[in-house]
Amino acid sequence: MIQRIQTIYLLIVILIAGILPFWVNLWSDAEGNEIFAKNDVFISGAFYVSALLALIAIVLFKNRKNQFVVNRLNMILNLFLLGFFVYRSLNLSGEISVSEKGIGMLIPIISIVFLVLANKAIKKDEDLVKSVDRLR
């Protein structure tokens, strides 16, 4: 059923991963130039793949086990993206003036939170279906 709460969570992930990184800056360099996701092909590709995986998970509403697995893959991708941001922020030092981290570095964390909520709702639906099948 596509009108479940996990669909709302996955739509939020699509909006957060597909649109937000291109409006908020990820970090600012020493000269004050703001770096967005569109400035780096790897980062923008990872955000697009994350949004695409969330869309695929919405489409897989009939097969909850596959939906659960796709959400797990999306969480792993967001963890890699978060690790890349941490690595990048730790290696930005080395210049005389300090670089500033932007709010965009928190986007993978927010996506992971909503993916975990979606997986909990999917697991709850799966348990409900299994309990109904047991009564027959």
Protein backbone atom coordinates (compact mmCIF):
# COMPACT_ATOMS: atom_id res chain seq x y z
CA MET A 1 0.00 0.00 0.00
CA ILE A 2 1.58 3.18 -1.19
CA GLN A 3 -0.26 5.44 1.28
CA ARG A 4 1.69 4.19 4.30
CA ILE A 5 3.85 6.33 6.58
CA GLN A 6 7.07 4.92 5.13
CA THR A 7 6.16 6.52 1.82
CA ILE A 8 6.06 9.91 3.53
CA TYR A 9 9.46 9.25 5.10
CA LEU A 10 10.91 8.20 1.75
CA LEU A 11 9.45 11.28 0.03
CA ILE A 12 11.17 13.42 2.65
CA VAL A 13 14.44 11.60 1.87
CA ILE A 14 13.92 12.29 -1.85
CA LEU A 15 13.40 15.99 -1.17
CA ILE A 16 16.33 16.21 1.25
CA ALA A 17 18.80 14.28 -0.91
CA GLY A 18 17.61 15.43 -4.32
CA ILE A 19 17.03 19.15 -3.82
CA LEU A 20 18.48 20.47 -0.57
CA PRO A 21 22.23 19.87 -1.23
CA PHE A 22 22.05 22.14 -4.25
CA TRP A 23 20.58 25.06 -2.26
CA VAL A 24 22.58 24.95 0.97
CA ASN A 25 26.34 25.08 1.07
CA LEU A 26 28.38 22.11 2.20
CA TRP A 27 31.38 24.14 3.34
CA SER A 28 33.18 27.40 2.69
CA ASP A 29 36.83 27.61 1.79
CA ALA A 30 39.40 30.09 3.12
CA GLU A 31 38.51 32.76 0.56
CA GLY A 32 34.82 32.61 1.53
CA ASN A 33 33.71 30.72 -1.58
CA GLU A 34 30.76 28.50 -0.78
CA ILE A 35 30.99 24.94 -2.06
CA PHE A 36 27.70 23.34 -3.11
CA ALA A 37 27.00 19.76 -4.21
CA LYS A 38 26.83 20.87 -7.84
CA ASN A 39 30.51 21.88 -7.70
CA ASP A 40 31.66 18.26 -7.27
CA VAL A 41 30.51 15.45 -9.55
CA PHE A 42 31.03 12.70 -6.94
CA ILE A 43 28.99 14.47 -4.27
CA SER A 44 26.14 15.43 -6.59
CA GLY A 45 26.08 11.90 -8.03
CA ALA A 46 25.91 10.38 -4.54
CA PHE A 47 23.01 12.64 -3.59
CA TYR A 48 21.18 11.80 -6.81
CA VAL A 49 21.73 8.07 -6.28
CA SER A 50 20.40 8.42 -2.72
CA ALA A 51 17.25 10.14 -3.99
CA LEU A 52 16.88 7.51 -6.73
CA LEU A 53 17.18 4.65 -4.22
CA ALA A 54 14.47 6.25 -2.10
CA LEU A 55 12.25 6.51 -5.18
CA ILE A 56 12.92 2.86 -6.02
CA ALA A 57 12.00 1.94 -2.44
CA ILE A 58 8.67 3.73 -2.83
CA VAL A 59 7.96 1.84 -6.05
CA LEU A 60 8.76 -1.48 -4.33
CA PHE A 61 5.82 -1.10 -1.92
CA LYS A 62 4.45 -4.53 -2.88
CA ASN A 63 7.63 -6.34 -1.87
CA ARG A 64 8.46 -5.12 1.63
CA LYS A 65 11.62 -7.24 1.98
CA ASN A 66 13.19 -5.70 -1.11
CA GLN A 67 12.06 -2.27 0.05
CA PHE A 68 13.84 -2.90 3.35
CA VAL A 69 17.04 -3.97 1.54
CA VAL A 70 17.01 -0.93 -0.75
CA ASN A 71 16.64 1.33 2.29
CA ARG A 72 19.62 -0.40 3.92
CA LEU A 73 21.70 0.19 0.77
CA ASN A 74 20.64 3.84 0.85
CA MET A 75 21.74 4.09 4.49
CA ILE A 76 25.14 2.62 3.59
CA LEU A 77 25.50 5.14 0.75
CA ASN A 78 24.64 7.99 3.11
CA LEU A 79 27.16 6.68 5.66
CA PHE A 80 29.86 6.69 2.97
CA LEU A 81 28.84 10.22 2.01
CA LEU A 82 28.98 11.29 5.64
CA GLY A 83 32.40 9.69 6.02
CA PHE A 84 33.59 11.54 2.93
CA PHE A 85 32.35 14.82 4.42
CA VAL A 86 34.13 14.13 7.71
CA TYR A 87 37.33 13.22 5.87
CA ARG A 88 37.05 16.31 3.71
CA SER A 89 36.36 18.60 6.67
CA LEU A 90 39.35 17.24 8.58
CA ASN A 91 41.60 17.75 5.56
CA LEU A 92 40.38 21.28 4.84
CA SER A 93 42.69 22.61 7.50
CA GLY A 94 46.18 23.46 6.42
CA GLU A 95 45.47 26.97 5.31
CA ILE A 96 46.14 29.96 7.51
CA SER A 97 42.51 30.98 7.91
CA VAL A 98 39.94 28.46 9.07
CA SER A 99 37.37 27.01 6.68
CA GLU A 100 33.76 26.87 7.80
CA LYS A 101 31.59 23.80 7.60
CA GLY A 102 28.14 24.35 6.14
CA ILE A 103 24.76 23.04 7.16
CA GLY A 104 24.76 20.82 4.08
CA MET A 105 27.11 18.38 5.77
CA LEU A 106 24.21 17.31 8.00
CA ILE A 107 22.05 16.20 5.07
CA PRO A 108 23.26 12.54 5.14
CA ILE A 109 22.49 12.35 8.87
CA ILE A 110 18.95 13.64 8.35
CA SER A 111 18.48 11.20 5.46
CA ILE A 112 19.68 8.29 7.60
CA VAL A 113 17.22 9.23 10.36
CA PHE A 114 14.28 9.20 7.94
CA LEU A 115 15.47 5.96 6.35
CA VAL A 116 15.61 4.32 9.78
CA LEU A 117 12.07 5.54 10.49
CA ALA A 118 10.92 4.14 7.14
CA ASN A 119 12.56 0.79 7.87
CA LYS A 120 10.84 0.63 11.26
CA ALA A 121 7.48 1.26 9.57
CA ILE A 122 8.22 -1.39 6.92
CA LYS A 123 9.19 -3.88 9.63
CA LYS A 124 5.98 -3.07 11.50
CA ASP A 125 3.92 -3.72 8.35
CA GLU A 126 5.75 -6.98 7.71
CA ASP A 127 5.12 -8.15 11.28
CA LEU A 128 1.44 -7.23 10.95
CA VAL A 129 1.09 -9.25 7.74
CA LYS A 130 2.87 -12.23 9.31
CA SER A 131 0.60 -12.12 12.37
CA VAL A 132 -2.53 -12.05 10.21
CA ASP A 133 -1.25 -15.02 8.16
CA ARG A 134 -0.70 -16.95 11.39
CA LEU A 135 -4.37 -16.63 12.35
CA ARG A 136 -5.68 -18.27 9.18
